N, C-alpha and C. Protein backbone atom coordinates (compact mmCIF):
# COMPACT_ATOMS: atom_id res chain seq x y z
N MET A 1 134.48 120.25 71.43
CA MET A 1 133.24 120.90 70.98
C MET A 1 132.99 122.21 71.74
N ARG A 2 133.39 122.25 73.01
CA ARG A 2 133.15 123.44 73.83
C ARG A 2 133.76 124.70 73.24
N PRO A 3 135.04 124.67 72.78
CA PRO A 3 135.61 125.89 72.17
C PRO A 3 134.82 126.37 70.95
N LEU A 4 134.33 125.41 70.15
CA LEU A 4 133.54 125.78 68.97
C LEU A 4 132.21 126.40 69.38
N LEU A 5 131.59 125.86 70.42
CA LEU A 5 130.33 126.43 70.91
C LEU A 5 130.53 127.83 71.48
N ASP A 6 131.70 128.06 72.09
CA ASP A 6 132.02 129.41 72.58
C ASP A 6 132.15 130.40 71.43
N ILE A 7 132.80 129.95 70.35
CA ILE A 7 132.91 130.78 69.14
C ILE A 7 131.52 131.07 68.59
N SER A 8 130.67 130.05 68.56
CA SER A 8 129.31 130.20 68.06
C SER A 8 128.54 131.23 68.88
N LYS A 9 128.69 131.20 70.19
CA LYS A 9 128.01 132.17 71.05
C LYS A 9 128.49 133.60 70.78
N THR A 10 129.79 133.75 70.52
CA THR A 10 130.33 135.08 70.21
C THR A 10 129.76 135.61 68.90
N ILE A 11 129.72 134.74 67.90
CA ILE A 11 129.15 135.13 66.59
C ILE A 11 127.68 135.50 66.75
N ASP A 12 126.95 134.68 67.52
CA ASP A 12 125.53 134.96 67.76
C ASP A 12 125.35 136.33 68.41
N ALA A 13 126.22 136.64 69.37
CA ALA A 13 126.12 137.93 70.07
C ALA A 13 126.36 139.09 69.11
N VAL A 14 127.34 138.94 68.21
CA VAL A 14 127.64 139.99 67.23
C VAL A 14 126.42 140.22 66.32
N ASN A 15 125.91 139.13 65.74
CA ASN A 15 124.78 139.28 64.81
C ASN A 15 123.50 139.71 65.53
N ASN A 16 123.37 139.34 66.79
CA ASN A 16 122.22 139.79 67.57
C ASN A 16 122.24 141.31 67.74
N ARG A 17 123.43 141.85 68.05
CA ARG A 17 123.56 143.31 68.20
C ARG A 17 123.33 144.02 66.87
N VAL A 18 123.93 143.48 65.81
CA VAL A 18 123.76 144.10 64.49
C VAL A 18 122.29 144.05 64.08
N GLY A 19 121.65 142.91 64.31
CA GLY A 19 120.24 142.76 63.94
C GLY A 19 119.35 143.74 64.68
N LYS A 20 119.61 143.93 65.96
CA LYS A 20 118.79 144.88 66.72
C LYS A 20 119.07 146.32 66.29
N ALA A 21 120.29 146.59 65.86
CA ALA A 21 120.63 147.94 65.37
C ALA A 21 119.89 148.25 64.08
N THR A 22 119.57 147.22 63.29
CA THR A 22 118.84 147.46 62.04
C THR A 22 117.44 148.01 62.32
N GLY A 23 116.91 147.74 63.51
CA GLY A 23 115.62 148.34 63.87
C GLY A 23 115.70 149.85 63.88
N TRP A 24 116.81 150.39 64.38
CA TRP A 24 117.01 151.84 64.38
C TRP A 24 117.22 152.35 62.96
N ILE A 25 117.82 151.53 62.10
CA ILE A 25 118.00 151.93 60.70
C ILE A 25 116.64 152.04 60.02
N ILE A 26 115.75 151.10 60.33
CA ILE A 26 114.40 151.16 59.77
C ILE A 26 113.69 152.43 60.21
N LEU A 27 113.85 152.78 61.50
CA LEU A 27 113.24 154.01 62.00
C LEU A 27 113.81 155.23 61.27
N ALA A 28 115.15 155.27 61.11
CA ALA A 28 115.79 156.40 60.41
C ALA A 28 115.29 156.49 58.97
N THR A 29 115.18 155.35 58.30
CA THR A 29 114.69 155.34 56.91
C THR A 29 113.27 155.89 56.83
N THR A 30 112.44 155.47 57.78
CA THR A 30 111.04 155.93 57.79
C THR A 30 110.96 157.44 58.01
N LEU A 31 111.74 157.95 58.96
CA LEU A 31 111.70 159.39 59.26
C LEU A 31 112.23 160.21 58.08
N ILE A 32 113.32 159.75 57.48
CA ILE A 32 113.88 160.47 56.32
C ILE A 32 112.90 160.47 55.17
N SER A 33 112.29 159.30 54.91
CA SER A 33 111.32 159.18 53.82
C SER A 33 110.12 160.10 54.05
N ALA A 34 109.60 160.10 55.29
CA ALA A 34 108.45 160.96 55.60
C ALA A 34 108.84 162.44 55.51
N GLY A 35 110.01 162.78 56.04
CA GLY A 35 110.47 164.18 55.99
C GLY A 35 110.66 164.65 54.56
N ASN A 36 111.24 163.80 53.73
CA ASN A 36 111.47 164.16 52.33
C ASN A 36 110.14 164.35 51.60
N ALA A 37 109.17 163.49 51.90
CA ALA A 37 107.86 163.61 51.26
C ALA A 37 107.17 164.91 51.68
N LEU A 38 107.27 165.25 52.97
CA LEU A 38 106.65 166.49 53.45
C LEU A 38 107.28 167.73 52.82
N VAL A 39 108.61 167.73 52.75
CA VAL A 39 109.31 168.87 52.14
C VAL A 39 108.92 169.01 50.67
N ARG A 40 108.81 167.87 49.99
CA ARG A 40 108.46 167.91 48.58
C ARG A 40 107.04 168.44 48.38
N LYS A 41 106.10 168.04 49.25
CA LYS A 41 104.71 168.46 49.10
C LYS A 41 104.49 169.91 49.56
N ILE A 42 105.12 170.25 50.69
CA ILE A 42 104.88 171.59 51.27
C ILE A 42 105.68 172.67 50.55
N PHE A 43 106.98 172.40 50.33
CA PHE A 43 107.87 173.42 49.78
C PHE A 43 108.22 173.20 48.31
N ASN A 44 107.65 172.13 47.73
CA ASN A 44 107.93 171.80 46.33
C ASN A 44 109.44 171.71 46.08
N ASN A 45 110.11 171.04 46.99
CA ASN A 45 111.57 170.91 46.92
C ASN A 45 111.95 169.48 47.30
N SER A 46 113.08 169.02 46.78
CA SER A 46 113.54 167.66 47.09
C SER A 46 115.05 167.61 47.01
N SER A 47 115.61 166.55 47.53
CA SER A 47 117.06 166.41 47.56
C SER A 47 117.43 165.00 47.10
N ASN A 48 118.32 164.91 46.12
CA ASN A 48 118.78 163.60 45.67
C ASN A 48 119.53 162.86 46.77
N SER A 49 120.25 163.61 47.59
CA SER A 49 120.99 162.95 48.68
C SER A 49 120.04 162.29 49.66
N LEU A 50 118.90 162.94 49.95
CA LEU A 50 117.92 162.33 50.85
C LEU A 50 117.25 161.11 50.21
N LEU A 51 117.02 161.19 48.91
CA LEU A 51 116.46 160.03 48.21
C LEU A 51 117.44 158.86 48.22
N GLU A 52 118.72 159.16 48.00
CA GLU A 52 119.72 158.09 47.94
C GLU A 52 120.01 157.49 49.31
N ILE A 53 120.01 158.32 50.36
CA ILE A 53 120.28 157.77 51.70
C ILE A 53 119.18 156.79 52.10
N GLN A 54 117.98 156.96 51.55
CA GLN A 54 116.90 156.02 51.85
C GLN A 54 117.24 154.63 51.34
N TRP A 55 117.72 154.53 50.08
CA TRP A 55 118.02 153.18 49.59
C TRP A 55 119.34 152.66 50.16
N TYR A 56 120.24 153.55 50.58
CA TYR A 56 121.43 153.09 51.31
C TYR A 56 120.99 152.38 52.60
N LEU A 57 120.13 153.06 53.36
CA LEU A 57 119.69 152.50 54.64
C LEU A 57 118.81 151.27 54.44
N PHE A 58 117.97 151.31 53.43
CA PHE A 58 117.11 150.16 53.12
C PHE A 58 117.97 148.94 52.78
N SER A 59 119.02 149.16 51.99
CA SER A 59 119.95 148.07 51.67
C SER A 59 120.66 147.57 52.91
N ALA A 60 121.01 148.48 53.80
CA ALA A 60 121.71 148.10 55.03
C ALA A 60 120.85 147.17 55.88
N VAL A 61 119.56 147.43 55.94
CA VAL A 61 118.66 146.59 56.73
C VAL A 61 118.71 145.15 56.24
N PHE A 62 118.60 144.95 54.93
CA PHE A 62 118.54 143.60 54.40
C PHE A 62 119.90 142.91 54.40
N LEU A 63 120.94 143.65 54.05
CA LEU A 63 122.26 143.03 53.97
C LEU A 63 122.85 142.76 55.35
N LEU A 64 122.74 143.73 56.24
CA LEU A 64 123.31 143.54 57.57
C LEU A 64 122.42 142.66 58.45
N GLY A 65 121.14 142.59 58.13
CA GLY A 65 120.23 141.78 58.93
C GLY A 65 120.10 140.33 58.49
N ALA A 66 120.79 139.94 57.42
CA ALA A 66 120.66 138.56 56.93
C ALA A 66 121.20 137.55 57.95
N GLY A 67 122.33 137.86 58.57
CA GLY A 67 122.88 136.97 59.58
C GLY A 67 121.95 136.85 60.78
N TYR A 68 121.34 137.97 61.17
CA TYR A 68 120.38 137.97 62.28
C TYR A 68 119.17 137.11 61.93
N GLY A 69 118.73 137.19 60.68
CA GLY A 69 117.61 136.37 60.24
C GLY A 69 117.92 134.88 60.35
N LEU A 70 119.15 134.52 59.98
CA LEU A 70 119.56 133.11 60.10
C LEU A 70 119.67 132.70 61.57
N LEU A 71 120.18 133.60 62.39
CA LEU A 71 120.29 133.33 63.83
C LEU A 71 118.92 133.05 64.43
N LYS A 72 117.92 133.84 64.05
CA LYS A 72 116.57 133.69 64.60
C LYS A 72 115.73 132.67 63.83
N ASN A 73 116.34 132.02 62.84
CA ASN A 73 115.67 130.97 62.07
C ASN A 73 114.39 131.48 61.39
N THR A 74 114.49 132.69 60.81
CA THR A 74 113.31 133.29 60.18
C THR A 74 113.35 133.22 58.66
N HIS A 75 114.38 132.59 58.10
CA HIS A 75 114.43 132.44 56.65
C HIS A 75 113.36 131.47 56.18
N VAL A 76 112.95 131.61 54.94
CA VAL A 76 111.88 130.78 54.38
C VAL A 76 112.34 129.33 54.32
N ARG A 77 111.46 128.44 54.77
CA ARG A 77 111.72 127.01 54.68
C ARG A 77 110.56 126.35 53.94
N ILE A 78 110.84 125.19 53.35
CA ILE A 78 109.79 124.42 52.68
C ILE A 78 109.18 123.51 53.75
N ASP A 79 108.25 124.08 54.52
CA ASP A 79 107.74 123.40 55.71
C ASP A 79 107.01 122.11 55.42
N PHE A 80 106.34 122.01 54.29
CA PHE A 80 105.57 120.80 54.04
C PHE A 80 106.48 119.58 53.82
N ILE A 81 107.76 119.84 53.53
CA ILE A 81 108.74 118.75 53.44
C ILE A 81 109.41 118.54 54.80
N SER A 82 109.93 119.62 55.38
CA SER A 82 110.67 119.49 56.64
C SER A 82 109.79 119.02 57.78
N ALA A 83 108.48 119.29 57.71
CA ALA A 83 107.57 118.86 58.78
C ALA A 83 107.47 117.34 58.85
N LYS A 84 107.77 116.67 57.75
CA LYS A 84 107.68 115.21 57.71
C LYS A 84 108.97 114.52 58.15
N LEU A 85 110.01 115.31 58.42
CA LEU A 85 111.30 114.75 58.80
C LEU A 85 111.49 114.82 60.31
N ASN A 86 112.31 113.92 60.83
CA ASN A 86 112.61 113.98 62.27
C ASN A 86 113.71 115.02 62.51
N ASP A 87 113.98 115.29 63.79
CA ASP A 87 114.93 116.35 64.16
C ASP A 87 116.32 116.11 63.60
N ARG A 88 116.80 114.88 63.66
CA ARG A 88 118.14 114.58 63.15
C ARG A 88 118.23 114.81 61.64
N GLN A 89 117.21 114.40 60.91
CA GLN A 89 117.21 114.59 59.46
C GLN A 89 117.21 116.07 59.10
N ARG A 90 116.40 116.84 59.80
CA ARG A 90 116.34 118.28 59.53
C ARG A 90 117.67 118.96 59.83
N ASN A 91 118.32 118.55 60.91
CA ASN A 91 119.62 119.14 61.25
C ASN A 91 120.69 118.70 60.27
N TRP A 92 120.63 117.47 59.80
CA TRP A 92 121.59 117.03 58.77
C TRP A 92 121.42 117.82 57.48
N ILE A 93 120.18 118.02 57.07
CA ILE A 93 119.92 118.79 55.84
C ILE A 93 120.45 120.21 55.99
N ASP A 94 120.21 120.83 57.14
CA ASP A 94 120.74 122.18 57.39
C ASP A 94 122.26 122.20 57.32
N ALA A 95 122.89 121.26 58.01
CA ALA A 95 124.36 121.23 58.07
C ALA A 95 124.96 121.08 56.68
N VAL A 96 124.41 120.17 55.89
CA VAL A 96 124.92 119.97 54.53
C VAL A 96 124.63 121.19 53.67
N GLY A 97 123.42 121.76 53.81
CA GLY A 97 123.06 122.95 53.04
C GLY A 97 123.97 124.12 53.34
N PHE A 98 124.33 124.29 54.62
CA PHE A 98 125.23 125.37 55.01
C PHE A 98 126.58 125.22 54.30
N LEU A 99 127.10 123.99 54.30
CA LEU A 99 128.44 123.76 53.74
C LEU A 99 128.45 123.77 52.21
N VAL A 100 127.42 123.19 51.61
CA VAL A 100 127.43 122.99 50.15
C VAL A 100 126.84 124.17 49.39
N VAL A 101 125.86 124.85 50.00
CA VAL A 101 125.16 125.91 49.27
C VAL A 101 125.45 127.30 49.84
N LEU A 102 125.10 127.51 51.10
CA LEU A 102 125.11 128.87 51.63
C LEU A 102 126.51 129.43 51.84
N ALA A 103 127.42 128.64 52.41
CA ALA A 103 128.79 129.14 52.62
C ALA A 103 129.48 129.48 51.30
N PRO A 104 129.44 128.58 50.27
CA PRO A 104 130.04 128.96 48.98
C PRO A 104 129.40 130.19 48.36
N PHE A 105 128.06 130.31 48.49
CA PHE A 105 127.37 131.48 47.94
C PHE A 105 127.88 132.76 48.59
N CYS A 106 128.02 132.75 49.92
CA CYS A 106 128.54 133.92 50.63
C CYS A 106 129.95 134.26 50.18
N LEU A 107 130.79 133.24 50.05
CA LEU A 107 132.18 133.46 49.63
C LEU A 107 132.25 134.06 48.23
N ILE A 108 131.41 133.57 47.34
CA ILE A 108 131.39 134.10 45.96
C ILE A 108 130.95 135.57 45.97
N CYS A 109 129.91 135.87 46.75
CA CYS A 109 129.42 137.26 46.81
C CYS A 109 130.47 138.20 47.40
N ILE A 110 131.18 137.74 48.43
CA ILE A 110 132.24 138.56 49.02
C ILE A 110 133.36 138.77 48.00
N TYR A 111 133.74 137.71 47.33
CA TYR A 111 134.82 137.76 46.34
C TYR A 111 134.48 138.72 45.19
N LEU A 112 133.24 138.69 44.73
CA LEU A 112 132.84 139.53 43.59
C LEU A 112 132.58 140.98 43.99
N SER A 113 132.15 141.20 45.22
CA SER A 113 131.79 142.57 45.62
C SER A 113 132.97 143.35 46.19
N TRP A 114 133.99 142.67 46.69
CA TRP A 114 135.11 143.38 47.29
C TRP A 114 135.82 144.31 46.30
N PRO A 115 136.14 143.87 45.06
CA PRO A 115 136.81 144.79 44.12
C PRO A 115 135.98 146.03 43.81
N MET A 116 134.66 145.87 43.73
CA MET A 116 133.78 147.02 43.46
C MET A 116 133.87 148.03 44.60
N PHE A 117 133.82 147.52 45.84
CA PHE A 117 133.95 148.39 47.00
C PHE A 117 135.32 149.07 47.03
N TYR A 118 136.37 148.28 46.81
CA TYR A 118 137.73 148.81 46.91
C TYR A 118 137.98 149.88 45.85
N GLN A 119 137.51 149.62 44.62
CA GLN A 119 137.68 150.60 43.54
C GLN A 119 136.89 151.87 43.83
N GLY A 120 135.68 151.71 44.34
CA GLY A 120 134.87 152.87 44.69
C GLY A 120 135.50 153.70 45.80
N LEU A 121 136.15 153.01 46.75
CA LEU A 121 136.83 153.71 47.85
C LEU A 121 138.03 154.49 47.33
N LEU A 122 138.83 153.86 46.48
CA LEU A 122 140.03 154.53 45.95
C LEU A 122 139.68 155.71 45.06
N SER A 123 138.63 155.56 44.27
CA SER A 123 138.28 156.61 43.30
C SER A 123 137.33 157.65 43.88
N SER A 124 136.84 157.42 45.11
CA SER A 124 135.83 158.30 45.71
C SER A 124 134.66 158.52 44.77
N GLU A 125 134.20 157.41 44.18
CA GLU A 125 133.11 157.47 43.21
C GLU A 125 131.87 158.13 43.80
N MET A 126 131.32 159.06 43.04
CA MET A 126 130.12 159.78 43.47
C MET A 126 128.93 159.34 42.62
N SER A 127 127.75 159.55 43.16
CA SER A 127 126.53 159.30 42.40
C SER A 127 126.49 160.20 41.18
N GLN A 128 125.90 159.72 40.10
CA GLN A 128 125.78 160.52 38.88
C GLN A 128 124.66 161.54 38.99
N ASN A 129 123.82 161.40 40.00
CA ASN A 129 122.74 162.38 40.20
C ASN A 129 123.28 163.64 40.87
N ALA A 130 122.74 164.77 40.49
CA ALA A 130 123.17 166.04 41.09
C ALA A 130 122.88 166.04 42.58
N GLY A 131 123.89 166.36 43.36
CA GLY A 131 123.72 166.37 44.82
C GLY A 131 123.67 165.00 45.44
N GLY A 132 124.07 163.99 44.66
CA GLY A 132 124.03 162.61 45.16
C GLY A 132 125.17 162.32 46.13
N LEU A 133 125.17 161.13 46.67
CA LEU A 133 126.13 160.74 47.71
C LEU A 133 127.32 159.97 47.14
N ILE A 134 128.34 159.85 47.98
CA ILE A 134 129.48 159.01 47.64
C ILE A 134 129.03 157.55 47.66
N ARG A 135 129.58 156.72 46.78
CA ARG A 135 129.05 155.38 46.59
C ARG A 135 129.70 154.28 47.42
N TRP A 136 130.95 154.46 47.88
CA TRP A 136 131.63 153.33 48.51
C TRP A 136 130.95 152.82 49.78
N PRO A 137 130.26 153.66 50.58
CA PRO A 137 129.58 153.07 51.74
C PRO A 137 128.49 152.07 51.34
N ALA A 138 127.80 152.35 50.24
CA ALA A 138 126.79 151.41 49.76
C ALA A 138 127.44 150.13 49.26
N TYR A 139 128.56 150.28 48.54
CA TYR A 139 129.29 149.10 48.06
C TYR A 139 129.82 148.26 49.23
N ALA A 140 130.23 148.92 50.30
CA ALA A 140 130.79 148.22 51.46
C ALA A 140 129.76 147.33 52.14
N LEU A 141 128.48 147.69 52.03
CA LEU A 141 127.44 146.90 52.66
C LEU A 141 127.39 145.47 52.12
N ILE A 142 127.76 145.28 50.86
CA ILE A 142 127.63 143.95 50.25
C ILE A 142 128.63 142.96 50.86
N PRO A 143 129.95 143.23 50.81
CA PRO A 143 130.86 142.26 51.45
C PRO A 143 130.67 142.18 52.96
N LEU A 144 130.31 143.30 53.60
CA LEU A 144 130.09 143.28 55.04
C LEU A 144 128.89 142.41 55.40
N GLY A 145 127.80 142.61 54.69
CA GLY A 145 126.59 141.83 54.96
C GLY A 145 126.80 140.35 54.74
N PHE A 146 127.47 140.00 53.65
CA PHE A 146 127.71 138.58 53.38
C PHE A 146 128.76 137.99 54.32
N SER A 147 129.66 138.81 54.84
CA SER A 147 130.61 138.34 55.85
C SER A 147 129.88 138.01 57.15
N LEU A 148 128.95 138.86 57.55
CA LEU A 148 128.15 138.58 58.75
C LEU A 148 127.30 137.33 58.57
N LEU A 149 126.76 137.16 57.36
CA LEU A 149 125.96 135.97 57.08
C LEU A 149 126.85 134.72 57.10
N LEU A 150 128.04 134.82 56.52
CA LEU A 150 128.97 133.69 56.52
C LEU A 150 129.37 133.30 57.95
N MET A 151 129.62 134.30 58.78
CA MET A 151 129.93 134.01 60.19
C MET A 151 128.77 133.26 60.85
N GLN A 152 127.55 133.70 60.56
CA GLN A 152 126.40 133.04 61.17
C GLN A 152 126.20 131.64 60.62
N VAL A 153 126.53 131.43 59.35
CA VAL A 153 126.50 130.08 58.77
C VAL A 153 127.42 129.16 59.57
N PHE A 154 128.63 129.64 59.87
CA PHE A 154 129.59 128.87 60.65
C PHE A 154 129.02 128.57 62.04
N SER A 155 128.42 129.57 62.67
CA SER A 155 127.82 129.38 64.00
C SER A 155 126.70 128.36 63.96
N GLU A 156 125.81 128.47 62.97
CA GLU A 156 124.68 127.54 62.87
C GLU A 156 125.16 126.13 62.56
N PHE A 157 126.20 126.01 61.76
CA PHE A 157 126.77 124.69 61.47
C PHE A 157 127.29 124.04 62.75
N ILE A 158 127.97 124.83 63.59
CA ILE A 158 128.48 124.32 64.86
C ILE A 158 127.32 123.83 65.73
N LYS A 159 126.23 124.61 65.78
CA LYS A 159 125.08 124.23 66.61
C LYS A 159 124.42 122.96 66.10
N ARG A 160 124.30 122.82 64.77
CA ARG A 160 123.72 121.59 64.21
C ARG A 160 124.62 120.40 64.52
N LEU A 161 125.92 120.60 64.39
CA LEU A 161 126.88 119.53 64.67
C LEU A 161 126.83 119.13 66.14
N ALA A 162 126.73 120.12 67.02
CA ALA A 162 126.64 119.85 68.46
C ALA A 162 125.40 119.03 68.77
N PHE A 163 124.27 119.38 68.16
CA PHE A 163 123.05 118.61 68.40
C PHE A 163 123.19 117.18 67.90
N LEU A 164 123.75 117.02 66.70
CA LEU A 164 123.88 115.69 66.11
C LEU A 164 124.82 114.80 66.92
N GLN A 165 125.78 115.42 67.62
CA GLN A 165 126.72 114.66 68.46
C GLN A 165 126.25 114.55 69.91
N GLY A 166 125.07 115.12 70.20
CA GLY A 166 124.53 115.03 71.54
C GLY A 166 125.12 116.02 72.53
N HIS A 167 125.71 117.12 72.02
CA HIS A 167 126.35 118.11 72.89
C HIS A 167 125.60 119.44 72.96
N GLY A 168 124.45 119.52 72.34
CA GLY A 168 123.72 120.79 72.34
C GLY A 168 122.25 120.59 72.07
N PRO A 169 121.44 121.64 72.28
CA PRO A 169 119.99 121.55 72.05
C PRO A 169 119.67 121.57 70.56
N ASN A 170 118.44 121.21 70.26
CA ASN A 170 117.95 121.27 68.88
C ASN A 170 117.46 122.68 68.61
N VAL A 171 118.25 123.48 67.91
CA VAL A 171 117.87 124.87 67.65
C VAL A 171 116.73 125.00 66.65
N LEU A 172 116.37 123.89 66.00
CA LEU A 172 115.25 123.91 65.06
C LEU A 172 113.92 123.64 65.74
N SER A 173 113.95 123.27 67.03
CA SER A 173 112.68 123.05 67.73
C SER A 173 111.99 124.38 67.90
N SER A 174 110.66 124.36 67.96
CA SER A 174 109.90 125.61 68.03
C SER A 174 110.25 126.40 69.27
N GLU A 175 110.53 125.71 70.38
CA GLU A 175 110.84 126.40 71.63
C GLU A 175 112.20 127.06 71.56
N GLU A 176 113.19 126.37 71.01
CA GLU A 176 114.55 126.90 70.94
C GLU A 176 114.66 128.08 69.98
N SER A 177 113.83 128.07 68.93
CA SER A 177 113.92 129.12 67.92
C SER A 177 113.18 130.39 68.30
N LYS A 178 112.45 130.35 69.42
CA LYS A 178 111.71 131.54 69.84
C LYS A 178 112.67 132.59 70.39
N SER A 179 112.38 133.83 70.08
CA SER A 179 113.18 134.93 70.61
C SER A 179 112.82 135.16 72.07
N ASP A 180 113.68 135.89 72.79
CA ASP A 180 113.41 136.23 74.18
C ASP A 180 112.10 137.00 74.31
N GLU A 181 111.85 137.89 73.33
CA GLU A 181 110.62 138.68 73.35
C GLU A 181 109.39 137.79 73.21
N GLN A 182 109.47 136.77 72.32
CA GLN A 182 108.35 135.85 72.15
C GLN A 182 108.08 135.07 73.44
N LYS A 183 109.17 134.61 74.08
CA LYS A 183 109.01 133.85 75.32
C LYS A 183 108.39 134.71 76.42
N LYS A 184 108.82 135.97 76.53
CA LYS A 184 108.24 136.87 77.54
C LYS A 184 106.77 137.13 77.26
N LEU A 185 106.44 137.33 75.97
CA LEU A 185 105.05 137.58 75.59
C LEU A 185 104.17 136.38 75.95
N GLU A 186 104.65 135.19 75.65
CA GLU A 186 103.88 133.99 75.98
C GLU A 186 103.72 133.83 77.49
N GLU A 187 104.76 134.17 78.23
CA GLU A 187 104.68 134.10 79.69
C GLU A 187 103.65 135.09 80.23
N LEU A 188 103.64 136.31 79.67
CA LEU A 188 102.65 137.31 80.08
C LEU A 188 101.23 136.87 79.72
N GLU A 189 101.08 136.26 78.54
CA GLU A 189 99.76 135.78 78.13
C GLU A 189 99.27 134.68 79.07
N ALA A 190 100.19 133.79 79.48
CA ALA A 190 99.83 132.71 80.40
C ALA A 190 99.43 133.28 81.76
N GLN A 191 100.17 134.29 82.24
CA GLN A 191 99.84 134.91 83.52
C GLN A 191 98.48 135.60 83.47
N THR A 192 98.23 136.28 82.35
CA THR A 192 96.94 136.96 82.19
C THR A 192 95.81 135.96 82.18
N ALA A 193 96.01 134.84 81.48
CA ALA A 193 94.97 133.80 81.42
C ALA A 193 94.70 133.22 82.80
N ARG A 194 95.78 133.03 83.59
CA ARG A 194 95.60 132.50 84.95
C ARG A 194 94.84 133.49 85.83
N LEU A 195 95.16 134.79 85.70
CA LEU A 195 94.47 135.81 86.49
C LEU A 195 92.98 135.88 86.12
N LEU A 196 92.69 135.83 84.84
CA LEU A 196 91.31 135.91 84.38
C LEU A 196 90.51 134.69 84.84
N SER A 197 91.13 133.53 84.76
CA SER A 197 90.42 132.33 85.20
C SER A 197 90.23 132.34 86.72
N GLY A 198 91.14 132.95 87.46
CA GLY A 198 91.03 133.06 88.91
C GLY A 198 89.92 134.00 89.31
N GLU A 199 89.72 135.07 88.52
CA GLU A 199 88.66 136.04 88.80
C GLU A 199 87.28 135.43 88.61
N LYS A 200 87.22 134.49 87.66
CA LYS A 200 85.94 133.87 87.41
C LYS A 200 85.64 132.85 88.51
């Protein structure tokens, strides 16, 4: 189990870095969008390439950040059902769902999107809009994003399996699923509360 957990940690580290990088993509998208709006209002001018790069970057955030979302356990869950289950049942449902639903879905999306990306790369397909961008980088986001998600599915499956076999923590517990930032914030809040109560 230890070698598999090491692989899981490596995958988590990759998706953690990619997920944090998407924050900079969001910033870039916001600045480009604001700049384009200002140029359009002030100078009555616009650029199709600037409009298209916005949806390229917007797509990158969601596609490349999907694995990070799974890592941080932020995907939508049907809580009114899962709240009634014990930890083992919830981990079993996740493990089976990863294998039966999510992993096949990722594989299908990669399989279907790869030819589109490859053909766009070979043909250097351009946008049909005047001054538009080349299309293959946008196409590449689809298989890349689903590959990162598939890797994270494998990592999460390993963690669920480790918990069920008694070799790892329950990553579905509220404490385990908290990010480092959340834990630091809660620690600061607790320190502040202690200081305030001491002053009184």
